[in-house]
N, C-alpha and C. Protein backbone atom coordinates (compact mmCIF):
# COMPACT_ATOMS: atom_id res chain seq x y z
N MET A 1 0.81 -1.24 0.01
CA MET A 1 0.01 0.01 0.03
C MET A 1 0.87 1.29 -0.07
N PHE A 2 0.48 2.29 -0.70
CA PHE A 2 1.27 3.51 -0.87
C PHE A 2 1.01 4.33 0.38
N ALA A 3 2.11 5.03 0.75
CA ALA A 3 2.00 5.99 1.81
C ALA A 3 2.54 7.30 1.25
N TYR A 4 1.95 8.40 1.67
CA TYR A 4 2.47 9.72 1.16
C TYR A 4 2.80 10.48 2.39
N LYS A 5 3.95 11.21 2.38
CA LYS A 5 4.37 12.11 3.37
C LYS A 5 5.33 13.21 2.86
N LYS A 6 5.28 14.28 3.63
CA LYS A 6 6.27 15.43 3.36
C LYS A 6 7.46 15.16 4.31
N VAL A 7 8.71 15.22 3.78
CA VAL A 7 9.80 15.10 4.69
C VAL A 7 10.79 16.21 4.27
N THR A 8 11.67 16.51 5.31
CA THR A 8 12.72 17.46 4.99
C THR A 8 14.04 16.52 5.18
N VAL A 9 14.79 16.54 4.11
CA VAL A 9 16.00 15.70 4.03
C VAL A 9 17.27 16.20 4.51
N SER A 10 18.06 15.47 5.18
CA SER A 10 19.33 15.77 5.60
C SER A 10 20.44 14.77 5.00
N LEU A 11 21.59 15.08 4.98
CA LEU A 11 22.55 14.22 4.35
C LEU A 11 22.69 12.88 5.22
N LYS A 12 22.22 12.91 6.48
CA LYS A 12 22.27 11.71 7.29
C LYS A 12 21.17 10.72 6.94
N ASP A 13 20.12 11.19 6.34
CA ASP A 13 18.90 10.34 6.10
C ASP A 13 19.29 9.22 5.11
N ASN A 14 18.72 8.09 5.49
CA ASN A 14 18.90 6.82 4.64
C ASN A 14 18.12 7.09 3.32
N VAL A 15 17.08 7.71 3.37
CA VAL A 15 16.19 7.92 2.12
C VAL A 15 16.93 8.58 1.04
N ILE A 16 17.97 9.31 1.30
CA ILE A 16 18.63 10.13 0.33
C ILE A 16 19.15 9.24 -0.85
N GLU A 17 19.69 8.11 -0.40
CA GLU A 17 20.22 7.12 -1.41
C GLU A 17 19.10 6.57 -2.32
N GLU A 18 17.89 6.38 -1.83
CA GLU A 18 16.72 5.98 -2.65
C GLU A 18 16.25 7.02 -3.52
N LEU A 19 16.39 8.29 -3.05
CA LEU A 19 15.96 9.44 -3.89
C LEU A 19 16.92 9.65 -5.10
N VAL A 20 18.20 9.54 -4.80
CA VAL A 20 19.15 9.81 -5.81
C VAL A 20 19.05 8.56 -6.91
N ALA A 21 18.87 7.30 -6.44
CA ALA A 21 18.63 6.32 -7.36
C ALA A 21 17.32 6.40 -8.32
N LEU A 22 16.25 6.77 -7.58
CA LEU A 22 15.23 7.15 -8.43
C LEU A 22 15.37 8.21 -9.55
N SER A 23 16.03 9.28 -9.05
CA SER A 23 16.36 10.43 -9.94
C SER A 23 17.20 9.94 -11.11
N LYS A 24 18.13 9.11 -10.87
CA LYS A 24 19.16 8.66 -11.85
C LYS A 24 18.35 7.78 -12.87
N ALA A 25 17.47 6.77 -12.31
CA ALA A 25 16.64 5.98 -13.21
C ALA A 25 15.83 6.79 -14.09
N TRP A 26 15.22 7.87 -13.56
CA TRP A 26 14.25 8.66 -14.34
C TRP A 26 15.11 9.37 -15.55
N ALA A 27 16.17 9.88 -15.13
CA ALA A 27 17.08 10.57 -16.12
C ALA A 27 17.48 9.55 -17.31
N GLU A 28 17.81 8.30 -16.92
CA GLU A 28 18.18 7.29 -17.84
C GLU A 28 17.01 6.91 -18.80
N GLU A 29 15.85 7.04 -18.31
CA GLU A 29 14.65 6.68 -19.06
C GLU A 29 14.57 7.66 -20.30
N TYR A 30 15.05 8.90 -20.08
CA TYR A 30 15.02 9.98 -21.18
C TYR A 30 13.75 10.17 -21.81
N THR A 31 12.60 10.20 -20.87
CA THR A 31 11.31 10.48 -21.40
C THR A 31 11.04 11.95 -21.49
N CYS A 32 11.96 12.74 -20.85
CA CYS A 32 11.91 14.17 -20.86
C CYS A 32 13.42 14.63 -20.99
N PRO A 33 13.71 15.06 -22.21
CA PRO A 33 15.07 15.40 -22.40
C PRO A 33 15.67 16.56 -21.53
N ALA A 34 14.79 17.39 -20.92
CA ALA A 34 15.28 18.46 -20.15
C ALA A 34 15.63 18.05 -18.71
N TYR A 35 15.06 16.81 -18.36
CA TYR A 35 15.32 16.30 -16.93
C TYR A 35 16.70 15.81 -16.79
N ASN A 36 17.26 16.31 -15.72
CA ASN A 36 18.71 15.92 -15.27
C ASN A 36 18.54 15.30 -13.77
N ALA A 37 19.30 14.29 -13.64
CA ALA A 37 19.26 13.60 -12.25
C ALA A 37 19.71 14.56 -11.21
N ASN A 38 19.04 14.48 -10.06
CA ASN A 38 19.39 15.28 -8.97
C ASN A 38 20.68 14.69 -8.17
N ASP A 39 21.44 15.56 -7.68
CA ASP A 39 22.60 15.01 -6.87
C ASP A 39 22.15 15.12 -5.33
N PRO A 40 22.82 14.47 -4.41
CA PRO A 40 22.30 14.51 -2.99
C PRO A 40 22.10 15.83 -2.43
N GLY A 41 22.97 16.78 -2.74
CA GLY A 41 22.84 18.03 -2.15
C GLY A 41 21.60 18.84 -2.56
N GLU A 42 20.91 18.53 -3.71
CA GLU A 42 19.78 19.10 -4.07
C GLU A 42 18.44 18.77 -3.20
N PHE A 43 18.67 17.60 -2.50
CA PHE A 43 17.58 17.32 -1.56
C PHE A 43 17.68 17.76 -0.12
N VAL A 44 18.88 18.12 0.34
CA VAL A 44 19.14 18.58 1.54
C VAL A 44 18.40 19.97 1.95
N ASN A 45 17.68 19.90 3.04
CA ASN A 45 16.95 21.10 3.60
C ASN A 45 15.90 21.56 2.53
N HIS A 46 15.36 20.68 1.72
CA HIS A 46 14.24 21.01 0.93
C HIS A 46 13.07 20.09 1.21
N ASP A 47 11.89 20.57 0.91
CA ASP A 47 10.69 19.86 1.04
C ASP A 47 10.67 18.70 0.04
N VAL A 48 10.56 17.41 0.44
CA VAL A 48 10.34 16.33 -0.49
C VAL A 48 9.08 15.66 -0.20
N TYR A 49 8.12 15.49 -1.21
CA TYR A 49 6.90 14.84 -1.10
C TYR A 49 7.12 13.39 -1.51
N LEU A 50 7.14 12.55 -0.56
CA LEU A 50 7.52 11.17 -0.75
C LEU A 50 6.44 10.20 -0.89
N VAL A 51 6.59 9.27 -1.84
CA VAL A 51 5.67 8.04 -1.83
C VAL A 51 6.40 6.84 -1.57
N THR A 52 5.91 6.06 -0.63
CA THR A 52 6.60 4.87 -0.23
C THR A 52 5.68 3.65 -0.43
N ASP A 53 6.19 2.56 -0.73
CA ASP A 53 5.42 1.23 -0.76
C ASP A 53 6.18 0.21 0.11
N GLU A 54 5.63 -0.24 1.05
CA GLU A 54 6.21 -1.13 1.98
C GLU A 54 7.50 -0.67 2.56
N GLY A 55 7.64 0.66 2.83
CA GLY A 55 8.74 1.31 3.41
C GLY A 55 9.80 1.71 2.43
N LYS A 56 9.68 1.47 1.15
CA LYS A 56 10.64 1.81 0.15
C LYS A 56 10.19 3.00 -0.79
N ALA A 57 11.02 3.91 -1.01
CA ALA A 57 10.66 5.18 -1.82
C ALA A 57 10.40 4.68 -3.21
N VAL A 58 9.26 5.04 -3.77
CA VAL A 58 8.96 4.77 -5.20
C VAL A 58 8.74 5.95 -6.02
N ALA A 59 8.52 7.00 -5.46
CA ALA A 59 8.36 8.33 -6.17
C ALA A 59 8.51 9.46 -5.27
N TYR A 60 8.81 10.62 -5.80
CA TYR A 60 8.85 11.85 -5.04
C TYR A 60 8.65 13.09 -5.86
N ALA A 61 8.39 14.19 -5.17
CA ALA A 61 8.35 15.47 -5.87
C ALA A 61 9.21 16.36 -5.01
N LEU A 62 10.06 17.17 -5.63
CA LEU A 62 11.03 17.98 -4.87
C LEU A 62 10.59 19.35 -5.18
N GLY A 63 10.42 20.19 -4.09
CA GLY A 63 10.23 21.58 -4.35
C GLY A 63 9.83 22.30 -3.06
N HIS A 64 9.35 23.58 -3.23
CA HIS A 64 8.87 24.41 -2.17
C HIS A 64 7.48 24.77 -2.37
N VAL A 65 6.69 24.89 -1.26
CA VAL A 65 5.43 25.43 -1.43
C VAL A 65 5.38 26.81 -0.76
N TYR A 66 4.98 27.73 -1.61
CA TYR A 66 4.79 29.19 -1.20
C TYR A 66 3.38 29.48 -1.16
N VAL A 67 2.95 30.13 -0.01
CA VAL A 67 1.69 30.63 0.16
C VAL A 67 1.68 32.15 0.02
N MET A 68 0.81 32.66 -0.92
CA MET A 68 0.91 34.02 -1.05
C MET A 68 -0.39 34.66 -0.43
């Protein structure tokens, strides 16, 4: 079952390896030529909207939410 949560990532988090692996896999699919894989530093201190399945990261959205 999928679980959704917002997390703030630090370099010490285990999930960062999963995020980098997903990012690399998506870049290698080349479905969007403008997409480049994220490096670990791009996740640090940013909001990550994480989707997990049985505790494993399967998708994410990286960004900031601004309320005006």
